[in-house]
C-alpha atoms as a PDB file:
ATOM      1  CA  MET A   1      95.828  88.642 112.496  1.00  0.00           C
ATOM      2  CA  ILE A   2      97.852  87.144 109.652  1.00  0.00           C
ATOM      3  CA  ARG A   3     100.511  89.255 107.986  1.00  0.00           C
ATOM      4  CA  ALA A   4     103.556  88.820 105.780  1.00  0.00           C
ATOM      5  CA  TYR A   5     106.805  87.977 107.562  1.00  0.00           C
ATOM      6  CA  LYS A   6     109.323  90.792 108.126  1.00  0.00           C
ATOM      7  CA  ASP A   7     113.099  90.340 108.487  1.00  0.00           C
ATOM      8  CA  THR A   8     112.829  91.584 112.083  1.00  0.00           C
ATOM      9  CA  ASP A   9     110.607  88.554 112.896  1.00  0.00           C
ATOM     10  CA  ILE A  10     113.337  85.994 112.184  1.00  0.00           C
ATOM     11  CA  ASP A  11     114.578  85.370 115.749  1.00  0.00           C
ATOM     12  CA  THR A  12     111.019  84.863 117.025  1.00  0.00           C
ATOM     13  CA  LEU A  13     110.203  82.471 114.168  1.00  0.00           C
ATOM     14  CA  VAL A  14     113.366  80.419 114.668  1.00  0.00           C
ATOM     15  CA  ASP A  15     112.610  80.210 118.408  1.00  0.00           C
ATOM     16  CA  ILE A  16     109.030  78.984 117.727  1.00  0.00           C
ATOM     17  CA  TRP A  17     110.367  76.499 115.150  1.00  0.00           C
ATOM     18  CA  TYR A  18     113.095  75.163 117.468  1.00  0.00           C
ATOM     19  CA  LYS A  19     110.887  74.720 120.553  1.00  0.00           C
ATOM     20  CA  GLY A  20     108.084  73.263 118.428  1.00  0.00           C
ATOM     21  CA  SER A  21     110.482  70.846 116.723  1.00  0.00           C
ATOM     22  CA  LEU A  22     111.790  69.587 120.065  1.00  0.00           C
ATOM     23  CA  GLN A  23     108.237  69.045 121.331  1.00  0.00           C
ATOM     24  CA  ALA A  24     106.745  67.455 118.184  1.00  0.00           C
ATOM     25  CA  HIS A  25     109.788  65.420 117.205  1.00  0.00           C
ATOM     26  CA  HIS A  26     110.877  63.903 120.521  1.00  0.00           C
ATOM     27  CA  PHE A  27     111.850  60.784 118.534  1.00  0.00           C
ATOM     28  CA  ILE A  28     114.719  62.680 116.857  1.00  0.00           C
ATOM     29  CA  ASP A  29     117.861  63.636 118.772  1.00  0.00           C
ATOM     30  CA  SER A  30     117.661  67.260 119.955  1.00  0.00           C
ATOM     31  CA  GLY A  31     121.167  67.879 118.600  1.00  0.00           C
ATOM     32  CA  TYR A  32     119.789  67.508 115.069  1.00  0.00           C
ATOM     33  CA  TRP A  33     117.376  70.427 115.581  1.00  0.00           C
ATOM     34  CA  LYS A  34     120.091  72.544 117.181  1.00  0.00           C
ATOM     35  CA  SER A  35     122.300  71.886 114.136  1.00  0.00           C
ATOM     36  CA  GLN A  36     119.547  73.244 111.835  1.00  0.00           C
ATOM     37  CA  ILE A  37     119.028  76.618 113.582  1.00  0.00           C
ATOM     38  CA  GLU A  38     121.405  78.652 111.407  1.00  0.00           C
ATOM     39  CA  GLU A  39     120.055  77.164 108.163  1.00  0.00           C
ATOM     40  CA  MET A  40     116.499  77.976 109.235  1.00  0.00           C
ATOM     41  CA  LYS A  41     117.569  81.533 110.017  1.00  0.00           C
ATOM     42  CA  GLU A  42     119.827  82.169 107.021  1.00  0.00           C
ATOM     43  CA  LYS A  43     118.274  80.002 104.297  1.00  0.00           C
ATOM     44  CA  TYR A  44     114.939  78.254 104.768  1.00  0.00           C
ATOM     45  CA  ILE A  45     112.724  80.973 106.227  1.00  0.00           C
ATOM     46  CA  PRO A  46     114.126  83.764 103.989  1.00  0.00           C
ATOM     47  CA  MET A  47     113.692  81.643 100.813  1.00  0.00           C
ATOM     48  CA  SER A  48     110.068  80.798 101.659  1.00  0.00           C
ATOM     49  CA  GLU A  49     106.872  82.781 101.375  1.00  0.00           C
ATOM     50  CA  THR A  50     106.212  83.134 105.086  1.00  0.00           C
ATOM     51  CA  HIS A  51     103.233  84.548 106.964  1.00  0.00           C
ATOM     52  CA  VAL A  52     102.915  85.015 110.706  1.00  0.00           C
ATOM     53  CA  ILE A  53      99.843  84.933 112.930  1.00  0.00           C
ATOM     54  CA  THR A  54      99.655  87.291 115.872  1.00  0.00           C
ATOM     55  CA  SER A  55      97.643  87.523 119.070  1.00  0.00           C
ATOM     56  CA  GLN A  56      97.662  90.971 120.733  1.00  0.00           C
ATOM     57  CA  SER A  57     100.544  91.875 118.389  1.00  0.00           C
ATOM     58  CA  LYS A  58     102.685  88.929 119.626  1.00  0.00           C
ATOM     59  CA  ILE A  59     103.742  86.400 116.971  1.00  0.00           C
ATOM     60  CA  VAL A  60     102.266  83.042 117.983  1.00  0.00           C
ATOM     61  CA  GLY A  61     103.012  81.030 114.849  1.00  0.00           C
ATOM     62  CA  PHE A  62     104.010  80.979 111.198  1.00  0.00           C
ATOM     63  CA  ILE A  63     103.577  79.140 107.927  1.00  0.00           C
ATOM     64  CA  SER A  64     106.216  78.909 105.195  1.00  0.00           C
ATOM     65  CA  MET A  65     105.418  77.923 101.628  1.00  0.00           C
ATOM     66  CA  VAL A  66     107.729  77.183  98.702  1.00  0.00           C
ATOM     67  CA  ASP A  67     105.402  77.285  95.709  1.00  0.00           C
ATOM     68  CA  ASN A  68     102.724  74.675  96.589  1.00  0.00           C
ATOM     69  CA  TYR A  69     104.887  72.925  99.179  1.00  0.00           C
ATOM     70  CA  LEU A  70     104.160  73.576 102.850  1.00  0.00           C
ATOM     71  CA  ALA A  71     107.704  73.770 104.214  1.00  0.00           C
ATOM     72  CA  ALA A  72     106.806  74.730 107.809  1.00  0.00           C
ATOM     73  CA  LEU A  73     103.780  75.279 110.014  1.00  0.00           C
ATOM     74  CA  PHE A  74     104.660  75.968 113.641  1.00  0.00           C
ATOM     75  CA  ILE A  75     102.632  77.419 116.495  1.00  0.00           C
ATOM     76  CA  ASP A  76     104.222  78.573 119.764  1.00  0.00           C
ATOM     77  CA  VAL A  77     103.765  75.673 122.212  1.00  0.00           C
ATOM     78  CA  ALA A  78     101.894  77.983 124.630  1.00  0.00           C
ATOM     79  CA  TYR A  79      99.306  78.808 121.931  1.00  0.00           C
ATOM     80  CA  GLN A  80      98.717  75.372 120.386  1.00  0.00           C
ATOM     81  CA  ASN A  81      95.220  73.872 120.070  1.00  0.00           C
ATOM     82  CA  ASN A  82      93.565  77.283 119.796  1.00  0.00           C
ATOM     83  CA  GLY A  83      92.924  77.318 116.036  1.00  0.00           C
ATOM     84  CA  ALA A  84      95.983  79.315 114.921  1.00  0.00           C
ATOM     85  CA  GLY A  85      97.393  76.448 112.817  1.00  0.00           C
ATOM     86  CA  LYS A  86      94.048  75.888 111.092  1.00  0.00           C
ATOM     87  CA  GLU A  87      93.741  79.627 110.437  1.00  0.00           C
ATOM     88  CA  LEU A  88      97.188  79.756 108.796  1.00  0.00           C
ATOM     89  CA  LEU A  89      96.426  76.640 106.754  1.00  0.00           C
ATOM     90  CA  ASN A  90      93.095  78.058 105.563  1.00  0.00           C
ATOM     91  CA  PHE A  91      94.857  81.305 104.632  1.00  0.00           C
ATOM     92  CA  GLU A  92      97.159  79.353 102.277  1.00  0.00           C
ATOM     93  CA  LYS A  93      94.352  77.122 100.945  1.00  0.00           C
ATOM     94  CA  LYS A  94      92.524  80.219  99.683  1.00  0.00           C
ATOM     95  CA  GLN A  95      95.526  81.093  97.519  1.00  0.00           C
ATOM     96  CA  ARG A  96      96.242  77.673  96.030  1.00  0.00           C
ATOM     97  CA  ASN A  97      94.569  74.750  94.288  1.00  0.00           C
ATOM     98  CA  MET A  98      96.901  72.182  95.824  1.00  0.00           C
ATOM     99  CA  ILE A  99      99.303  71.916  98.769  1.00  0.00           C
ATOM    100  CA  ARG A 100     101.801  69.142  99.482  1.00  0.00           C
ATOM    101  CA  LEU A 101     103.802  68.531 102.638  1.00  0.00           C
ATOM    102  CA  LYS A 102     105.915  65.959 104.419  1.00  0.00           C
ATOM    103  CA  VAL A 103     105.273  64.999 108.023  1.00  0.00           C
ATOM    104  CA  TYR A 104     107.011  62.450 110.219  1.00  0.00           C
ATOM    105  CA  LYS A 105     104.922  59.320 110.676  1.00  0.00           C
ATOM    106  CA  GLU A 106     105.724  59.330 114.430  1.00  0.00           C
ATOM    107  CA  ASN A 107     104.355  62.874 114.766  1.00  0.00           C
ATOM    108  CA  SER A 108     100.815  61.543 115.144  1.00  0.00           C
ATOM    109  CA  PRO A 109      99.240  64.815 116.391  1.00  0.00           C
ATOM    110  CA  ALA A 110     100.409  66.553 113.190  1.00  0.00           C
ATOM    111  CA  VAL A 111      99.277  63.651 110.976  1.00  0.00           C
ATOM    112  CA  ARG A 112      95.824  63.836 112.631  1.00  0.00           C
ATOM    113  CA  PHE A 113      95.750  67.636 112.220  1.00  0.00           C
ATOM    114  CA  TYR A 114      96.495  67.457 108.495  1.00  0.00           C
ATOM    115  CA  LYS A 115      94.009  64.619 107.898  1.00  0.00           C
ATOM    116  CA  LYS A 116      91.333  66.603 109.765  1.00  0.00           C
ATOM    117  CA  ASN A 117      92.101  69.545 107.466  1.00  0.00           C
ATOM    118  CA  GLY A 118      91.593  67.602 104.235  1.00  0.00           C
ATOM    119  CA  PHE A 119      95.064  66.218 103.509  1.00  0.00           C
ATOM    120  CA  VAL A 120      95.497  62.635 102.351  1.00  0.00           C
ATOM    121  CA  ILE A 121      98.582  60.436 102.508  1.00  0.00           C
ATOM    122  CA  ILE A 122     100.012  59.869  99.045  1.00  0.00           C
ATOM    123  CA  LYS A 123     103.031  57.780  99.988  1.00  0.00           C
ATOM    124  CA  GLU A 124     105.434  56.822 102.718  1.00  0.00           C
ATOM    125  CA  LEU A 125     109.057  57.931 102.438  1.00  0.00           C
ATOM    126  CA  THR A 126     112.240  57.856 104.492  1.00  0.00           C
ATOM    127  CA  ASP A 127     113.749  61.225 105.420  1.00  0.00           C
ATOM    128  CA  GLU A 128     117.382  61.049 104.301  1.00  0.00           C
ATOM    129  CA  GLN A 129     118.674  63.360 107.047  1.00  0.00           C
ATOM    130  CA  THR A 130     117.062  61.603 110.011  1.00  0.00           C
ATOM    131  CA  ASP A 131     116.380  58.121 108.585  1.00  0.00           C
ATOM    132  CA  LYS A 132     112.807  58.395 109.975  1.00  0.00           C
ATOM    133  CA  GLN A 133     109.612  57.426 108.160  1.00  0.00           C
ATOM    134  CA  GLU A 134     107.501  60.290 106.853  1.00  0.00           C
ATOM    135  CA  TYR A 135     104.323  60.763 104.886  1.00  0.00           C
ATOM    136  CA  LEU A 136     103.951  62.798 101.746  1.00  0.00           C
ATOM    137  CA  MET A 137     100.477  64.349 102.087  1.00  0.00           C
ATOM    138  CA  GLU A 138      98.389  66.406  99.704  1.00  0.00           C
ATOM    139  CA  TRP A 139      95.349  68.656  99.784  1.00  0.00           C
ATOM    140  CA  SER A 140      93.562  69.850  96.672  1.00  0.00           C
ATOM    141  CA  LYS A 141      90.494  71.991  96.030  1.00  0.00           C
ATOM    142  CA  ASN A 142      88.868  69.390  93.763  1.00  0.00           C
END
């Protein structure tokens, strides 16, 4: 089930984000992700339009949008590859004509996932905070 995020979900979401970031971004020092925990909790998740996906009432993932920008899509590592990410993505696609996102080039499973779900690479950028290469990707209904 997909539902709107509640303030009481924040610790679970930050935990899913942190563990998922460590797993997907092994090429970035773990200290960087640890340094971002408070900002995720206090700023980024609350400022986004966030929806969670549950399995037997347990939150297994979330998606955060800022207008048409996909700011975060994270699935609990124990629940990955079961369709939850695609379900969240499709939920947002129904509400928008276009979605943009940035994904690290070295995060090849995520790049493959987004390509498989209709996103195309628009350009290559360098993330200022980590100095790593990333792709700007876009999906549109047309």
